[in-house]
């Protein structure tokens, strides 16, 4: 049950990252929140970072939902 909830949360955050980076949501890519990312990567690099991070979180979330990843030791 924990894996399902955690997987769903990761998928939600992944979707926020991908759509926020793709559509350039100001509350996600605003310089006041993450100025160090924008200074280091530039605005386009920051958007790409959020998209890649979102895709990673989506993949991990799907892996939790499919049972490929789980909490704890063996089954």
C-alpha atoms as a PDB file:
ATOM      1  CA  UNK A   1       0.000   0.000   0.000  1.00  0.00           C
ATOM      2  CA  UNK A   2       2.859   2.403   0.792  1.00  0.00           C
ATOM      3  CA  UNK A   3       4.414   1.776  -2.614  1.00  0.00           C
ATOM      4  CA  UNK A   4       1.164   2.646  -4.393  1.00  0.00           C
ATOM      5  CA  UNK A   5       0.752   5.923  -2.503  1.00  0.00           C
ATOM      6  CA  UNK A   6       4.408   6.869  -2.944  1.00  0.00           C
ATOM      7  CA  UNK A   7       4.279   5.975  -6.644  1.00  0.00           C
ATOM      8  CA  UNK A   8       1.201   8.143  -7.158  1.00  0.00           C
ATOM      9  CA  UNK A   9       2.860  11.072  -5.373  1.00  0.00           C
ATOM     10  CA  UNK A  10       5.997  10.725  -7.500  1.00  0.00           C
ATOM     11  CA  UNK A  11       3.911  10.618 -10.670  1.00  0.00           C
ATOM     12  CA  UNK A  12       2.129  13.796  -9.569  1.00  0.00           C
ATOM     13  CA  UNK A  13       5.396  15.622  -8.929  1.00  0.00           C
ATOM     14  CA  UNK A  14       6.779  14.301 -12.218  1.00  0.00           C
ATOM     15  CA  UNK A  15       3.799  15.631 -14.133  1.00  0.00           C
ATOM     16  CA  UNK A  16       4.206  19.009 -12.447  1.00  0.00           C
ATOM     17  CA  UNK A  17       7.895  19.094 -13.397  1.00  0.00           C
ATOM     18  CA  UNK A  18       7.344  18.107 -17.017  1.00  0.00           C
ATOM     19  CA  UNK A  19       4.388  20.387 -17.675  1.00  0.00           C
ATOM     20  CA  UNK A  20       5.866  23.260 -15.676  1.00  0.00           C
ATOM     21  CA  UNK A  21       9.124  23.090 -17.603  1.00  0.00           C
ATOM     22  CA  UNK A  22       7.403  22.650 -20.942  1.00  0.00           C
ATOM     23  CA  UNK A  23       4.899  25.481 -20.464  1.00  0.00           C
ATOM     24  CA  UNK A  24       7.412  27.677 -18.554  1.00  0.00           C
ATOM     25  CA  UNK A  25       5.240  28.144 -15.466  1.00  0.00           C
ATOM     26  CA  UNK A  26       6.471  31.277 -13.717  1.00  0.00           C
ATOM     27  CA  UNK A  27       5.923  29.932 -10.181  1.00  0.00           C
ATOM     28  CA  UNK A  28       8.225  27.009 -11.021  1.00  0.00           C
ATOM     29  CA  UNK A  29      10.870  28.771 -13.085  1.00  0.00           C
ATOM     30  CA  UNK A  30      10.762  32.180 -11.351  1.00  0.00           C
ATOM     31  CA  UNK A  31      14.248  33.549 -10.575  1.00  0.00           C
ATOM     32  CA  UNK A  32      13.300  34.427  -6.991  1.00  0.00           C
ATOM     33  CA  UNK A  33      12.767  30.762  -6.136  1.00  0.00           C
ATOM     34  CA  UNK A  34      15.715  29.115  -7.861  1.00  0.00           C
ATOM     35  CA  UNK A  35      18.098  31.863  -8.898  1.00  0.00           C
ATOM     36  CA  UNK A  36      21.129  29.570  -8.591  1.00  0.00           C
ATOM     37  CA  UNK A  37      19.711  27.181 -11.225  1.00  0.00           C
ATOM     38  CA  UNK A  38      18.968  29.984 -13.644  1.00  0.00           C
ATOM     39  CA  UNK A  39      22.374  31.583 -13.134  1.00  0.00           C
ATOM     40  CA  UNK A  40      24.191  28.260 -13.607  1.00  0.00           C
ATOM     41  CA  UNK A  41      22.107  26.744 -16.403  1.00  0.00           C
ATOM     42  CA  UNK A  42      20.343  29.699 -17.982  1.00  0.00           C
ATOM     43  CA  UNK A  43      16.572  29.893 -18.432  1.00  0.00           C
ATOM     44  CA  UNK A  44      16.426  27.231 -21.135  1.00  0.00           C
ATOM     45  CA  UNK A  45      18.716  24.904 -19.203  1.00  0.00           C
ATOM     46  CA  UNK A  46      16.553  25.304 -16.121  1.00  0.00           C
ATOM     47  CA  UNK A  47      13.450  24.337 -18.081  1.00  0.00           C
ATOM     48  CA  UNK A  48      15.255  21.300 -19.517  1.00  0.00           C
ATOM     49  CA  UNK A  49      16.400  20.345 -16.017  1.00  0.00           C
ATOM     50  CA  UNK A  50      12.830  20.388 -14.721  1.00  0.00           C
ATOM     51  CA  UNK A  51      11.597  18.363 -17.697  1.00  0.00           C
ATOM     52  CA  UNK A  52      14.307  15.717 -17.236  1.00  0.00           C
ATOM     53  CA  UNK A  53      13.703  15.604 -13.473  1.00  0.00           C
ATOM     54  CA  UNK A  54       9.968  15.228 -14.105  1.00  0.00           C
ATOM     55  CA  UNK A  55      10.541  12.353 -16.531  1.00  0.00           C
ATOM     56  CA  UNK A  56      12.782  10.655 -13.965  1.00  0.00           C
ATOM     57  CA  UNK A  57      10.151  11.039 -11.235  1.00  0.00           C
ATOM     58  CA  UNK A  58       7.473   9.692 -13.580  1.00  0.00           C
ATOM     59  CA  UNK A  59       9.614   6.630 -14.297  1.00  0.00           C
ATOM     60  CA  UNK A  60      10.306   5.938 -10.631  1.00  0.00           C
ATOM     61  CA  UNK A  61       6.628   6.458  -9.785  1.00  0.00           C
ATOM     62  CA  UNK A  62       5.555   4.010 -12.479  1.00  0.00           C
ATOM     63  CA  UNK A  63       8.133   1.516 -11.229  1.00  0.00           C
ATOM     64  CA  UNK A  64       6.620   1.749  -7.725  1.00  0.00           C
ATOM     65  CA  UNK A  65       3.115   1.244  -9.106  1.00  0.00           C
ATOM     66  CA  UNK A  66       4.183  -1.775 -11.191  1.00  0.00           C
ATOM     67  CA  UNK A  67       5.935  -3.366  -8.238  1.00  0.00           C
ATOM     68  CA  UNK A  68       9.409  -3.166  -9.751  1.00  0.00           C
ATOM     69  CA  UNK A  69      10.433  -1.033  -6.752  1.00  0.00           C
ATOM     70  CA  UNK A  70       9.143  -1.391  -3.222  1.00  0.00           C
ATOM     71  CA  UNK A  71       9.921  -0.393   0.341  1.00  0.00           C
ATOM     72  CA  UNK A  72      11.709  -2.791   2.642  1.00  0.00           C
ATOM     73  CA  UNK A  73      13.800  -5.869   2.022  1.00  0.00           C
ATOM     74  CA  UNK A  74      12.743  -9.004   0.216  1.00  0.00           C
ATOM     75  CA  UNK A  75       9.207 -10.112  -0.494  1.00  0.00           C
END
